[in-house]
Protein backbone atom coordinates (compact mmCIF):
# COMPACT_ATOMS: atom_id res chain seq x y z
CA UNK A 1 0.00 0.00 0.00
CA UNK A 2 1.57 3.27 -1.09
CA UNK A 3 1.00 6.73 0.39
CA UNK A 4 -1.90 7.59 -1.88
CA UNK A 5 -3.78 4.42 -0.95
CA UNK A 6 -3.24 5.15 2.75
CA UNK A 7 -4.64 8.65 2.35
CA UNK A 8 -7.59 7.34 0.34
CA UNK A 9 -8.34 4.75 3.02
CA UNK A 10 -8.14 7.42 5.71
CA UNK A 11 -10.53 9.80 3.95
CA UNK A 12 -12.88 6.97 2.95
CA UNK A 13 -13.75 6.71 6.62
CA UNK A 14 -15.26 10.20 6.52
CA UNK A 15 -17.53 9.54 3.55
CA UNK A 16 -21.26 9.31 4.16
CA UNK A 17 -22.56 5.84 3.41
CA UNK A 18 -26.12 5.09 2.36
CA UNK A 19 -27.23 4.01 5.80
CA UNK A 20 -26.60 7.42 7.38
CA UNK A 21 -28.43 9.58 4.83
CA UNK A 22 -31.76 9.48 6.72
CA UNK A 23 -30.34 10.90 9.98
CA UNK A 24 -28.33 13.44 8.00
CA UNK A 25 -31.45 14.52 6.12
CA UNK A 26 -33.40 14.75 9.35
CA UNK A 27 -30.70 16.87 10.96
CA UNK A 28 -30.49 19.15 7.95
CA UNK A 29 -34.28 19.57 7.82
CA UNK A 30 -34.35 20.35 11.55
CA UNK A 31 -31.64 22.99 11.21
CA UNK A 32 -33.37 24.63 8.25
CA UNK A 33 -36.72 24.51 10.04
CA UNK A 34 -35.32 26.14 13.17
CA UNK A 35 -33.58 28.81 11.10
CA UNK A 36 -36.85 29.54 9.28
CA UNK A 37 -38.77 29.73 12.56
CA UNK A 38 -36.28 32.21 14.04
CA UNK A 39 -36.32 34.24 10.83
CA UNK A 40 -40.12 34.46 10.73
CA UNK A 41 -40.41 35.33 14.41
CA UNK A 42 -37.83 38.10 14.05
CA UNK A 43 -39.55 39.42 10.90
CA UNK A 44 -42.93 39.58 12.64
CA UNK A 45 -41.38 41.16 15.73
CA UNK A 46 -39.63 43.74 13.57
CA UNK A 47 -42.87 44.69 11.85
CA UNK A 48 -44.62 45.18 15.17
CA UNK A 49 -41.76 47.32 16.49
CA UNK A 50 -41.80 49.43 13.32
CA UNK A 51 -45.56 49.88 13.60
CA UNK A 52 -45.21 50.97 17.21
CA UNK A 53 -42.53 53.51 16.33
CA UNK A 54 -44.57 54.85 13.41
CA UNK A 55 -47.53 55.25 15.76
CA UNK A 56 -45.41 57.20 18.24
CA UNK A 57 -43.97 59.44 15.52
CA UNK A 58 -47.44 60.14 14.13
CA UNK A 59 -48.74 60.93 17.60
CA UNK A 60 -45.79 63.20 18.36
CA UNK A 61 -46.15 65.10 15.07
CA UNK A 62 -49.91 65.49 15.63
CA UNK A 63 -49.34 66.73 19.17
CA UNK A 64 -46.76 69.28 18.01
CA UNK A 65 -49.21 70.65 15.39
CA UNK A 66 -51.93 71.36 17.96
CA UNK A 67 -52.36 75.11 18.79
PDB file of N, CA and C in Angstrom:
ATOM      1  N   UNK A   1       0.860  -1.169   0.000  1.00  0.00           N
ATOM      2  CA  UNK A   1       0.000   0.000   0.000  1.00  0.00           C
ATOM      3  C   UNK A   1       0.906   1.231   0.000  1.00  0.00           C
ATOM      4  N   UNK A   2       0.739   2.068  -1.024  1.00  0.00           N
ATOM      5  CA  UNK A   2       1.566   3.268  -1.087  1.00  0.00           C
ATOM      6  C   UNK A   2       0.888   4.424  -0.340  1.00  0.00           C
ATOM      7  N   UNK A   3       1.506   5.576  -0.360  1.00  0.00           N
ATOM      8  CA  UNK A   3       1.002   6.730   0.388  1.00  0.00           C
ATOM      9  C   UNK A   3      -0.367   7.184  -0.063  1.00  0.00           C
ATOM     10  N   UNK A   4      -0.601   7.152  -1.362  1.00  0.00           N
ATOM     11  CA  UNK A   4      -1.899   7.595  -1.884  1.00  0.00           C
ATOM     12  C   UNK A   4      -3.012   6.673  -1.416  1.00  0.00           C
ATOM     13  N   UNK A   5      -2.765   5.372  -1.409  1.00  0.00           N
ATOM     14  CA  UNK A   5      -3.778   4.424  -0.949  1.00  0.00           C
ATOM     15  C   UNK A   5      -4.059   4.599   0.538  1.00  0.00           C
ATOM     16  N   UNK A   6      -3.036   4.904   1.321  1.00  0.00           N
ATOM     17  CA  UNK A   6      -3.237   5.145   2.751  1.00  0.00           C
ATOM     18  C   UNK A   6      -4.107   6.378   2.967  1.00  0.00           C
ATOM     19  N   UNK A   7      -3.824   7.432   2.213  1.00  0.00           N
ATOM     20  CA  UNK A   7      -4.636   8.646   2.347  1.00  0.00           C
ATOM     21  C   UNK A   7      -6.076   8.384   1.910  1.00  0.00           C
ATOM     22  N   UNK A   8      -6.245   7.640   0.823  1.00  0.00           N
ATOM     23  CA  UNK A   8      -7.591   7.335   0.339  1.00  0.00           C
ATOM     24  C   UNK A   8      -8.354   6.521   1.376  1.00  0.00           C
ATOM     25  N   UNK A   9      -7.696   5.568   2.000  1.00  0.00           N
ATOM     26  CA  UNK A   9      -8.342   4.751   3.023  1.00  0.00           C
ATOM     27  C   UNK A   9      -8.719   5.598   4.227  1.00  0.00           C
ATOM     28  N   UNK A  10      -7.866   6.547   4.575  1.00  0.00           N
ATOM     29  CA  UNK A  10      -8.138   7.424   5.710  1.00  0.00           C
ATOM     30  C   UNK A  10      -9.371   8.288   5.433  1.00  0.00           C
ATOM     31  N   UNK A  11      -9.409   8.911   4.280  1.00  0.00           N
ATOM     32  CA  UNK A  11     -10.525   9.803   3.955  1.00  0.00           C
ATOM     33  C   UNK A  11     -11.802   9.033   3.626  1.00  0.00           C
ATOM     34  N   UNK A  12     -11.707   7.784   3.214  1.00  0.00           N
ATOM     35  CA  UNK A  12     -12.879   6.973   2.950  1.00  0.00           C
ATOM     36  C   UNK A  12     -13.698   6.782   4.220  1.00  0.00           C
ATOM     37  N   UNK A  13     -13.051   6.830   5.350  1.00  0.00           N
ATOM     38  CA  UNK A  13     -13.750   6.707   6.624  1.00  0.00           C
ATOM     39  C   UNK A  13     -14.667   7.868   6.912  1.00  0.00           C
ATOM     40  N   UNK A  14     -14.433   9.030   6.294  1.00  0.00           N
ATOM     41  CA  UNK A  14     -15.263  10.203   6.523  1.00  0.00           C
ATOM     42  C   UNK A  14     -16.387  10.344   5.504  1.00  0.00           C
ATOM     43  N   UNK A  15     -16.470   9.465   4.533  1.00  0.00           N
ATOM     44  CA  UNK A  15     -17.532   9.536   3.549  1.00  0.00           C
ATOM     45  C   UNK A  15     -18.852   9.097   4.173  1.00  0.00           C
ATOM     46  N   UNK A  16     -19.924   9.669   3.676  1.00  0.00           N
ATOM     47  CA  UNK A  16     -21.255   9.308   4.157  1.00  0.00           C
ATOM     48  C   UNK A  16     -21.697   8.062   3.400  1.00  0.00           C
ATOM     49  N   UNK A  17     -22.050   7.012   4.113  1.00  0.00           N
ATOM     50  CA  UNK A  17     -22.559   5.844   3.411  1.00  0.00           C
ATOM     51  C   UNK A  17     -24.079   5.911   3.369  1.00  0.00           C
ATOM     52  N   UNK A  18     -24.686   5.027   2.613  1.00  0.00           N
ATOM     53  CA  UNK A  18     -26.118   5.094   2.359  1.00  0.00           C
ATOM     54  C   UNK A  18     -26.956   4.934   3.629  1.00  0.00           C
ATOM     55  N   UNK A  19     -26.434   4.242   4.602  1.00  0.00           N
ATOM     56  CA  UNK A  19     -27.227   4.006   5.804  1.00  0.00           C
ATOM     57  C   UNK A  19     -27.402   5.262   6.637  1.00  0.00           C
ATOM     58  N   UNK A  20     -26.514   6.245   6.520  1.00  0.00           N
ATOM     59  CA  UNK A  20     -26.602   7.417   7.379  1.00  0.00           C
ATOM     60  C   UNK A  20     -27.225   8.620   6.685  1.00  0.00           C
ATOM     61  N   UNK A  21     -27.819   8.445   5.511  1.00  0.00           N
ATOM     62  CA  UNK A  21     -28.430   9.579   4.827  1.00  0.00           C
ATOM     63  C   UNK A  21     -29.733  10.015   5.493  1.00  0.00           C
ATOM     64  N   UNK A  22     -30.497   9.105   6.059  1.00  0.00           N
ATOM     65  CA  UNK A  22     -31.755   9.482   6.717  1.00  0.00           C
ATOM     66  C   UNK A  22     -31.501  10.364   7.947  1.00  0.00           C
ATOM     67  N   UNK A  23     -30.608  10.001   8.849  1.00  0.00           N
ATOM     68  CA  UNK A  23     -30.341  10.899   9.978  1.00  0.00           C
ATOM     69  C   UNK A  23     -29.739  12.231   9.532  1.00  0.00           C
ATOM     70  N   UNK A  24     -28.916  12.195   8.501  1.00  0.00           N
ATOM     71  CA  UNK A  24     -28.329  13.439   8.000  1.00  0.00           C
ATOM     72  C   UNK A  24     -29.419  14.335   7.416  1.00  0.00           C
ATOM     73  N   UNK A  25     -30.334  13.755   6.671  1.00  0.00           N
ATOM     74  CA  UNK A  25     -31.449  14.524   6.120  1.00  0.00           C
ATOM     75  C   UNK A  25     -32.343  15.088   7.201  1.00  0.00           C
ATOM     76  N   UNK A  26     -32.590  14.295   8.229  1.00  0.00           N
ATOM     77  CA  UNK A  26     -33.403  14.754   9.355  1.00  0.00           C
ATOM     78  C   UNK A  26     -32.716  15.912  10.074  1.00  0.00           C
ATOM     79  N   UNK A  27     -31.435  15.793  10.298  1.00  0.00           N
ATOM     80  CA  UNK A  27     -30.699  16.865  10.964  1.00  0.00           C
ATOM     81  C   UNK A  27     -30.705  18.135  10.123  1.00  0.00           C
ATOM     82  N   UNK A  28     -30.494  17.993   8.828  1.00  0.00           N
ATOM     83  CA  UNK A  28     -30.495  19.155   7.946  1.00  0.00           C
ATOM     84  C   UNK A  28     -31.870  19.813   7.917  1.00  0.00           C
ATOM     85  N   UNK A  29     -32.927  19.020   7.830  1.00  0.00           N
ATOM     86  CA  UNK A  29     -34.284  19.566   7.816  1.00  0.00           C
ATOM     87  C   UNK A  29     -34.603  20.274   9.133  1.00  0.00           C
ATOM     88  N   UNK A  30     -34.133  19.725  10.247  1.00  0.00           N
ATOM     89  CA  UNK A  30     -34.353  20.346  11.547  1.00  0.00           C
ATOM     90  C   UNK A  30     -33.643  21.688  11.636  1.00  0.00           C
ATOM     91  N   UNK A  31     -32.407  21.734  11.171  1.00  0.00           N
ATOM     92  CA  UNK A  31     -31.639  22.986  11.211  1.00  0.00           C
ATOM     93  C   UNK A  31     -32.302  24.044  10.342  1.00  0.00           C
ATOM     94  N   UNK A  32     -32.709  23.667   9.146  1.00  0.00           N
ATOM     95  CA  UNK A  32     -33.367  24.627   8.246  1.00  0.00           C
ATOM     96  C   UNK A  32     -34.702  25.076   8.835  1.00  0.00           C
ATOM     97  N   UNK A  33     -35.447  24.161   9.425  1.00  0.00           N
ATOM     98  CA  UNK A  33     -36.721  24.507  10.039  1.00  0.00           C
ATOM     99  C   UNK A  33     -36.560  25.474  11.205  1.00  0.00           C
ATOM    100  N   UNK A  34     -35.565  25.234  12.046  1.00  0.00           N
ATOM    101  CA  UNK A  34     -35.316  26.140  13.167  1.00  0.00           C
ATOM    102  C   UNK A  34     -34.877  27.511  12.682  1.00  0.00           C
ATOM    103  N   UNK A  35     -34.018  27.530  11.658  1.00  0.00           N
ATOM    104  CA  UNK A  35     -33.584  28.809  11.104  1.00  0.00           C
ATOM    105  C   UNK A  35     -34.790  29.578  10.550  1.00  0.00           C
ATOM    106  N   UNK A  36     -35.674  28.895   9.841  1.00  0.00           N
ATOM    107  CA  UNK A  36     -36.850  29.538   9.277  1.00  0.00           C
ATOM    108  C   UNK A  36     -37.768  30.062  10.381  1.00  0.00           C
ATOM    109  N   UNK A  37     -37.948  29.299  11.441  1.00  0.00           N
ATOM    110  CA  UNK A  37     -38.774  29.734  12.556  1.00  0.00           C
ATOM    111  C   UNK A  37     -38.208  30.998  13.188  1.00  0.00           C
ATOM    112  N   UNK A  38     -36.915  31.018  13.447  1.00  0.00           N
ATOM    113  CA  UNK A  38     -36.282  32.205  14.037  1.00  0.00           C
ATOM    114  C   UNK A  38     -36.405  33.395  13.098  1.00  0.00           C
ATOM    115  N   UNK A  39     -36.216  33.167  11.808  1.00  0.00           N
ATOM    116  CA  UNK A  39     -36.320  34.237  10.828  1.00  0.00           C
ATOM    117  C   UNK A  39     -37.731  34.828  10.801  1.00  0.00           C
ATOM    118  N   UNK A  40     -38.745  33.969  10.777  1.00  0.00           N
ATOM    119  CA  UNK A  40     -40.121  34.457  10.727  1.00  0.00           C
ATOM    120  C   UNK A  40     -40.514  35.185  12.004  1.00  0.00           C
ATOM    121  N   UNK A  41     -40.103  34.670  13.143  1.00  0.00           N
ATOM    122  CA  UNK A  41     -40.415  35.328  14.412  1.00  0.00           C
ATOM    123  C   UNK A  41     -39.746  36.700  14.473  1.00  0.00           C
ATOM    124  N   UNK A  42     -38.510  36.804  14.024  1.00  0.00           N
ATOM    125  CA  UNK A  42     -37.832  38.105  14.048  1.00  0.00           C
ATOM    126  C   UNK A  42     -38.447  39.063  13.037  1.00  0.00           C
ATOM    127  N   UNK A  43     -38.915  38.559  11.899  1.00  0.00           N
ATOM    128  CA  UNK A  43     -39.547  39.423  10.901  1.00  0.00           C
ATOM    129  C   UNK A  43     -40.870  39.967  11.432  1.00  0.00           C
ATOM    130  N   UNK A  44     -41.653  39.131  12.081  1.00  0.00           N
ATOM    131  CA  UNK A  44     -42.931  39.579  12.642  1.00  0.00           C
ATOM    132  C   UNK A  44     -42.684  40.556  13.786  1.00  0.00           C
ATOM    133  N   UNK A  45     -41.712  40.254  14.632  1.00  0.00           N
ATOM    134  CA  UNK A  45     -41.381  41.160  15.731  1.00  0.00           C
ATOM    135  C   UNK A  45     -40.876  42.502  15.226  1.00  0.00           C
ATOM    136  N   UNK A  46     -40.124  42.494  14.142  1.00  0.00           N
ATOM    137  CA  UNK A  46     -39.627  43.739  13.566  1.00  0.00           C
ATOM    138  C   UNK A  46     -40.750  44.577  12.996  1.00  0.00           C
ATOM    139  N   UNK A  47     -41.737  43.952  12.393  1.00  0.00           N
ATOM    140  CA  UNK A  47     -42.875  44.689  11.848  1.00  0.00           C
ATOM    141  C   UNK A  47     -43.685  45.328  12.970  1.00  0.00           C
ATOM    142  N   UNK A  48     -43.866  44.632  14.053  1.00  0.00           N
ATOM    143  CA  UNK A  48     -44.622  45.179  15.170  1.00  0.00           C
ATOM    144  C   UNK A  48     -43.870  46.343  15.802  1.00  0.00           C
ATOM    145  N   UNK A  49     -42.553  46.239  15.923  1.00  0.00           N
ATOM    146  CA  UNK A  49     -41.762  47.322  16.491  1.00  0.00           C
ATOM    147  C   UNK A  49     -41.806  48.541  15.577  1.00  0.00           C
ATOM    148  N   UNK A  50     -41.726  48.314  14.258  1.00  0.00           N
ATOM    149  CA  UNK A  50     -41.797  49.431  13.318  1.00  0.00           C
ATOM    150  C   UNK A  50     -43.167  50.099  13.367  1.00  0.00           C
ATOM    151  N   UNK A  51     -44.213  49.327  13.500  1.00  0.00           N
ATOM    152  CA  UNK A  51     -45.556  49.879  13.605  1.00  0.00           C
ATOM    153  C   UNK A  51     -45.720  50.702  14.867  1.00  0.00           C
ATOM    154  N   UNK A  52     -45.146  50.243  15.952  1.00  0.00           N
ATOM    155  CA  UNK A  52     -45.213  50.966  17.211  1.00  0.00           C
ATOM    156  C   UNK A  52     -44.478  52.292  17.104  1.00  0.00           C
ATOM    157  N   UNK A  53     -43.303  52.279  16.484  1.00  0.00           N
ATOM    158  CA  UNK A  53     -42.530  53.511  16.330  1.00  0.00           C
ATOM    159  C   UNK A  53     -43.246  54.478  15.396  1.00  0.00           C
ATOM    160  N   UNK A  54     -43.841  53.982  14.332  1.00  0.00           N
ATOM    161  CA  UNK A  54     -44.572  54.852  13.409  1.00  0.00           C
ATOM    162  C   UNK A  54     -45.765  55.482  14.118  1.00  0.00           C
ATOM    163  N   UNK A  55     -46.424  54.726  14.986  1.00  0.00           N
ATOM    164  CA  UNK A  55     -47.534  55.253  15.760  1.00  0.00           C
ATOM    165  C   UNK A  55     -47.071  56.369  16.679  1.00  0.00           C
ATOM    166  N   UNK A  56     -45.937  56.181  17.333  1.00  0.00           N
ATOM    167  CA  UNK A  56     -45.409  57.196  18.243  1.00  0.00           C
ATOM    168  C   UNK A  56     -45.005  58.452  17.492  1.00  0.00           C
ATOM    169  N   UNK A  57     -44.381  58.289  16.312  1.00  0.00           N
ATOM    170  CA  UNK A  57     -43.966  59.443  15.521  1.00  0.00           C
ATOM    171  C   UNK A  57     -45.197  60.206  15.045  1.00  0.00           C
ATOM    172  N   UNK A  58     -46.219  59.487  14.589  1.00  0.00           N
ATOM    173  CA  UNK A  58     -47.439  60.138  14.132  1.00  0.00           C
ATOM    174  C   UNK A  58     -48.110  60.881  15.280  1.00  0.00           C
ATOM    175  N   UNK A  59     -48.140  60.286  16.444  1.00  0.00           N
ATOM    176  CA  UNK A  59     -48.739  60.929  17.603  1.00  0.00           C
ATOM    177  C   UNK A  59     -47.946  62.167  18.002  1.00  0.00           C
ATOM    178  N   UNK A  60     -46.629  62.061  17.990  1.00  0.00           N
ATOM    179  CA  UNK A  60     -45.787  63.197  18.363  1.00  0.00           C
ATOM    180  C   UNK A  60     -45.941  64.343  17.366  1.00  0.00           C
ATOM    181  N   UNK A  61     -46.010  64.046  16.067  1.00  0.00           N
ATOM    182  CA  UNK A  61     -46.145  65.103  15.070  1.00  0.00           C
ATOM    183  C   UNK A  61     -47.536  65.732  15.160  1.00  0.00           C
ATOM    184  N   UNK A  62     -48.562  64.936  15.474  1.00  0.00           N
ATOM    185  CA  UNK A  62     -49.906  65.488  15.630  1.00  0.00           C
ATOM    186  C   UNK A  62     -49.964  66.375  16.850  1.00  0.00           C
ATOM    187  N   UNK A  63     -49.338  65.956  17.950  1.00  0.00           N
ATOM    188  CA  UNK A  63     -49.341  66.730  19.174  1.00  0.00           C
ATOM    189  C   UNK A  63     -48.577  68.041  18.999  1.00  0.00           C
ATOM    190  N   UNK A  64     -47.537  68.058  18.199  1.00  0.00           N
ATOM    191  CA  UNK A  64     -46.759  69.277  18.008  1.00  0.00           C
ATOM    192  C   UNK A  64     -47.486  70.255  17.088  1.00  0.00           C
ATOM    193  N   UNK A  65     -48.472  69.776  16.307  1.00  0.00           N
ATOM    194  CA  UNK A  65     -49.209  70.650  15.394  1.00  0.00           C
ATOM    195  C   UNK A  65     -50.415  71.279  16.101  1.00  0.00           C
ATOM    196  N   UNK A  66     -50.784  70.810  17.254  1.00  0.00           N
ATOM    197  CA  UNK A  66     -51.932  71.364  17.955  1.00  0.00           C
ATOM    198  C   UNK A  66     -51.616  72.789  18.414  1.00  0.00           C
ATOM    199  N   UNK A  67     -52.626  73.708  18.363  1.00  0.00           N
ATOM    200  CA  UNK A  67     -52.361  75.110  18.786  1.00  0.00           C
ATOM    201  C   UNK A  67     -52.181  75.255  20.262  1.00  0.00           C
TER     202      UNK A  67
END
